[in-house]
Protein backbone atom coordinates (compact mmCIF):
# COMPACT_ATOMS: atom_id res chain seq x y z
CA MET A 1 0.00 0.00 0.00
CA ARG A 2 1.29 3.43 -0.89
CA THR A 3 2.48 5.47 2.04
CA ILE A 4 1.42 9.06 2.46
CA LEU A 5 4.80 9.99 3.90
CA TYR A 6 6.58 10.79 0.67
CA PRO A 7 7.57 14.21 -0.68
CA ILE A 8 5.34 15.71 -3.35
CA ILE A 9 7.00 18.11 -5.77
CA ALA A 10 4.28 19.82 -7.74
CA LEU A 11 3.93 22.80 -10.02
CA LEU A 12 1.00 25.04 -9.23
CA LEU A 13 -1.96 24.62 -11.49
CA VAL A 14 -2.66 28.12 -12.71
CA CYS A 15 -6.19 29.42 -12.25
CA SER A 16 -7.25 30.15 -15.78
CA ALA A 17 -10.01 30.14 -18.32
CA CYS A 18 -11.22 26.74 -19.41
CA GLY A 19 -10.98 26.95 -23.16
CA LYS A 20 -12.46 24.34 -25.43
CA ASP A 21 -9.04 23.22 -26.67
CA LYS A 22 -7.02 22.99 -23.46
CA TYR A 23 -7.28 21.81 -19.93
CA TYR A 24 -3.90 22.47 -18.30
CA GLN A 25 -2.83 26.09 -18.62
CA ASP A 26 0.68 25.29 -17.38
CA SER A 27 1.41 22.45 -19.80
CA GLY A 28 0.43 23.75 -23.18
CA THR A 29 -2.51 22.97 -25.43
CA HIS A 30 -4.33 19.64 -25.13
CA GLU A 31 -7.35 17.91 -26.51
CA PRO A 32 -9.80 17.95 -23.58
CA ALA A 33 -11.28 14.53 -24.38
CA PHE A 34 -9.55 11.72 -22.45
CA ASN A 35 -9.77 8.21 -23.85
CA GLY A 36 -10.71 6.30 -20.72
CA THR A 37 -12.80 6.42 -17.57
CA SER A 38 -12.57 9.05 -14.86
CA LEU A 39 -10.46 6.71 -12.74
CA ASP A 40 -8.23 6.00 -15.73
CA TYR A 41 -7.68 9.74 -16.01
CA LEU A 42 -6.60 10.03 -12.37
CA ASP A 43 -4.24 7.10 -12.88
CA ALA A 44 -2.85 8.73 -16.01
CA VAL A 45 -1.81 11.89 -14.14
CA PRO A 46 -0.05 10.49 -11.05
CA PHE A 47 1.96 13.68 -10.53
CA TYR A 48 -1.24 15.34 -9.35
CA PHE A 49 -3.69 12.55 -8.52
CA ASP A 50 -1.82 9.43 -7.36
CA SER A 51 -3.09 9.66 -3.77
CA VAL A 52 -6.56 10.70 -4.91
CA ALA A 53 -6.80 7.60 -7.12
CA THR A 54 -5.72 5.50 -4.14
CA ILE A 55 -8.44 7.09 -2.01
CA VAL A 56 -11.05 6.25 -4.66
CA ARG A 57 -10.08 2.59 -4.32
CA LEU A 58 -9.83 2.67 -0.51
CA ALA A 59 -13.29 4.24 -0.37
CA GLY A 60 -14.71 1.40 -2.45
CA MET A 61 -15.75 3.85 -5.19
CA GLU A 62 -13.73 2.32 -8.01
CA GLU A 63 -16.80 1.06 -9.87
CA VAL A 64 -18.44 4.49 -9.67
CA PHE A 65 -15.39 6.15 -11.22
CA ASN A 66 -15.24 3.52 -13.93
CA ALA A 67 -18.91 3.13 -14.87
CA ASP A 68 -21.33 5.67 -13.37
CA THR A 69 -21.99 9.03 -15.02
CA LEU A 70 -19.95 11.33 -12.80
CA THR A 71 -18.80 14.93 -12.54
CA PHE A 72 -15.72 15.03 -10.31
CA PHE A 73 -14.03 18.11 -8.91
CA ALA A 74 -10.63 16.53 -8.43
CA PRO A 75 -8.52 17.70 -5.49
CA THR A 76 -4.79 17.28 -5.97
CA ASP A 77 -2.43 15.15 -3.93
CA ARG A 78 -1.15 18.27 -2.16
CA SER A 79 -4.46 18.59 -0.32
CA VAL A 80 -4.18 14.94 0.78
CA LEU A 81 -0.61 15.42 2.01
CA ARG A 82 -1.55 18.50 4.02
CA LEU A 83 -4.52 16.68 5.53
CA MET A 84 -2.45 13.68 6.59
CA GLN A 85 0.25 15.89 8.09
CA LEU A 86 -2.28 17.78 10.18
CA LEU A 87 -4.07 14.58 11.22
CA ASN A 88 -0.85 13.03 12.46
CA GLU A 89 0.17 16.17 14.34
CA GLN A 90 -3.19 16.26 16.09
CA LEU A 91 -3.36 12.52 16.74
CA TYR A 92 0.11 12.58 18.28
CA MET A 93 -0.75 15.58 20.46
CA GLN A 94 -3.91 13.84 21.68
CA GLY A 95 -2.19 10.53 22.44
CA TYR A 96 -3.50 8.45 19.53
CA ASP A 97 -1.57 6.28 17.12
CA THR A 98 -0.56 8.17 14.00
CA LEU A 99 -1.50 7.11 10.48
CA LYS A 100 1.27 5.50 8.48
CA THR A 101 -0.61 5.00 5.22
CA LEU A 102 -3.80 6.16 3.56
CA ALA A 103 -5.23 2.71 4.28
CA ASP A 104 -5.15 3.49 8.02
CA VAL A 105 -8.09 5.86 7.52
CA PRO A 106 -11.38 3.90 7.82
CA ARG A 107 -13.20 3.33 4.54
CA PRO A 108 -16.40 5.13 5.63
CA VAL A 109 -14.38 8.27 6.40
CA TRP A 110 -12.80 8.27 2.96
CA GLN A 111 -16.25 7.72 1.42
CA LYS A 112 -17.80 10.60 3.36
CA TYR A 113 -15.23 13.17 2.29
CA LEU A 114 -14.48 11.93 -1.23
CA GLN A 115 -18.15 12.17 -2.20
CA MET A 116 -18.12 15.91 -1.46
CA TYR A 117 -16.30 16.32 -4.79
CA MET A 118 -18.60 13.96 -6.71
CA PHE A 119 -21.85 14.82 -8.49
CA HIS A 120 -24.33 12.79 -10.49
CA GLY A 121 -24.48 13.55 -14.19
CA ARG A 122 -22.08 15.02 -16.72
CA ASN A 123 -21.69 18.79 -16.34
CA GLU A 124 -19.19 21.11 -17.97
CA LEU A 125 -18.49 24.77 -17.21
CA LYS A 126 -21.22 25.87 -19.63
CA ASP A 127 -23.81 23.97 -17.60
CA TYR A 128 -23.32 26.01 -14.43
CA PRO A 129 -24.73 29.48 -13.64
CA GLN A 130 -22.78 32.65 -12.92
CA ILE A 131 -21.67 33.47 -9.40
CA ASP A 132 -20.35 36.74 -7.98
CA TYR A 133 -19.24 36.29 -4.38
CA ASP A 134 -19.74 40.00 -3.76
CA LEU A 135 -23.26 39.99 -5.22
CA LEU A 136 -24.76 36.67 -4.25
CA ASN A 137 -28.29 38.03 -4.33
CA THR A 138 -27.83 38.76 -8.04
CA TYR A 139 -25.47 35.99 -9.12
CA PRO A 140 -25.73 33.17 -6.56
CA GLY A 141 -24.43 30.22 -8.53
CA GLN A 142 -26.54 27.22 -7.65
CA GLY A 143 -26.89 24.82 -4.76
CA TYR A 144 -26.25 21.16 -5.50
CA LEU A 145 -26.24 17.96 -3.51
CA SER A 146 -23.08 15.91 -3.86
CA TRP A 147 -23.04 12.14 -4.43
CA PHE A 148 -24.33 11.31 -0.94
CA GLY A 149 -26.24 14.52 -0.39
CA THR A 150 -23.82 17.07 1.06
CA PRO A 151 -24.97 20.64 0.26
CA MET A 152 -22.51 22.41 -2.04
CA ASN A 153 -22.58 25.45 -4.29
CA ILE A 154 -21.19 25.49 -7.83
CA GLY A 155 -20.89 28.58 -9.98
CA VAL A 156 -18.84 30.31 -12.65
CA VAL A 157 -16.99 33.53 -11.85
CA PHE A 158 -17.01 35.98 -14.77
CA ASN A 159 -13.80 37.88 -14.22
CA THR A 160 -13.02 41.55 -14.90
CA ASP A 161 -10.92 42.48 -17.91
CA ASN A 162 -9.40 45.95 -18.37
CA GLY A 163 -11.69 47.28 -15.67
CA VAL A 164 -14.86 45.93 -17.31
CA LYS A 165 -16.85 43.55 -15.13
CA TYR A 166 -17.87 40.12 -16.35
CA VAL A 167 -16.11 40.21 -19.74
CA GLY A 168 -12.94 38.39 -18.67
CA TYR A 169 -12.18 34.69 -18.47
CA ARG A 170 -14.63 32.39 -16.74
CA GLN A 171 -13.60 30.26 -13.79
CA LEU A 172 -15.53 27.40 -12.24
CA THR A 173 -15.78 27.28 -8.44
CA LEU A 174 -16.91 24.75 -5.86
CA ALA A 175 -18.01 25.77 -2.36
CA TRP A 176 -18.80 23.66 0.69
CA ILE A 177 -21.83 24.83 2.69
CA PRO A 178 -21.18 23.74 6.30
CA ASP A 179 -24.63 24.56 7.67
CA PRO A 180 -27.68 23.85 5.46
CA ALA A 181 -29.81 25.91 7.86
CA ARG A 182 -27.66 28.94 6.98
CA PRO A 183 -26.97 28.29 3.28
CA ARG A 184 -25.20 31.60 2.60
CA ASP A 185 -22.83 31.52 5.58
CA ASN A 186 -19.25 30.39 6.09
CA TRP A 187 -18.62 28.79 2.73
CA THR A 188 -15.27 27.25 1.94
CA ILE A 189 -14.69 28.32 -1.66
CA GLU A 190 -12.33 26.50 -4.01
CA TYR A 191 -11.36 27.42 -7.56
CA VAL A 192 -10.97 25.10 -10.51
CA ALA A 193 -7.64 25.29 -12.31
CA SER A 194 -8.47 23.07 -15.27
CA CYS A 195 -11.98 22.19 -16.37
CA ASN A 196 -13.98 20.19 -18.92
CA ILE A 197 -11.72 17.13 -19.04
CA THR A 198 -14.21 14.73 -20.56
CA THR A 199 -13.87 11.00 -19.94
CA SER A 200 -15.86 8.02 -21.18
CA ASN A 201 -18.18 8.23 -18.18
CA GLY A 202 -18.12 11.85 -17.10
CA VAL A 203 -16.23 15.09 -16.63
CA VAL A 204 -13.27 15.96 -14.41
CA HIS A 205 -12.61 19.50 -13.16
CA ALA A 206 -9.21 19.76 -11.46
CA LEU A 207 -9.12 22.02 -8.42
CA ASN A 208 -6.30 24.48 -7.91
CA THR A 209 -3.52 23.29 -5.63
CA ASN A 210 -4.48 26.14 -3.28
CA HIS A 211 -7.31 23.87 -2.14
CA TYR A 212 -5.58 23.31 1.16
CA TYR A 213 -7.16 20.27 2.80
CA PHE A 214 -8.83 17.27 1.23
CA GLY A 215 -12.34 17.12 2.70
CA PHE A 216 -12.54 20.90 3.29
CA ASP A 217 -12.54 20.77 7.12
CA PRO A 218 -9.62 18.74 8.53
CA TYR A 219 -10.90 18.95 12.11
CA LEU A 220 -14.20 17.31 11.18
CA PHE A 221 -12.17 14.68 9.35
CA LEU A 222 -10.00 14.24 12.47
CA ALA A 223 -13.07 13.84 14.68
CA ASP A 224 -14.41 11.11 12.41
CA VAL A 225 -11.08 9.26 12.42
CA ILE A 226 -10.88 9.42 16.23
CA SER A 227 -14.48 8.24 16.54
CA TYR A 228 -13.67 5.13 14.52
CA MET A 229 -10.48 4.55 16.54
CA GLU A 230 -12.35 4.73 19.82
CA ASN A 231 -15.14 2.49 18.61
CA GLY A 232 -12.91 -0.14 17.05
CA GLY A 233 -13.80 0.85 13.50
């Protein structure tokens, strides 16, 4: 089993427009159609998604990524590394055994947090509404339920160009809504670096490496891990 304790050397994915003929701004021009499933795509780009592909398998979601119609906002391995580092620091401080590999995290925990990035159906940037985080009453994006029903918001930021609002490049965003009873409060907003990577069973939108922690809230993740430890899970 792959260990999480290895150095990751990664170039930043540049936040950029998602043109029809490219999906990685920092690696030239590419045909956005990938010949394979969504899991095949993650496997094909191990520099960014090796740990994420491992998590898909540890979560028991391999069949979903290979066969179901899926839109996946793919976090990079950097967010996994940061999460595992914080988890081990906190587990050590609280007197628990640390995690040596990704497989030490219980499967239900991986499932719970992986599905926050997964959505039913095949949706590209053009399928999502505009969002302006300063004018949510006018351009609110749209609320969506993730694969297992976590409330999220997805929208497209129309950037400013030469001082003119909304005429610049368009950037897809994903936001976690922590409290459904207060759906406009305390969002964790993440930006897509590369979008519209079409696979045989869906679409992959790669999040920027500035997405700091896999699962959005590492302390909720930590609490779930400790709960399983204490209950023999």
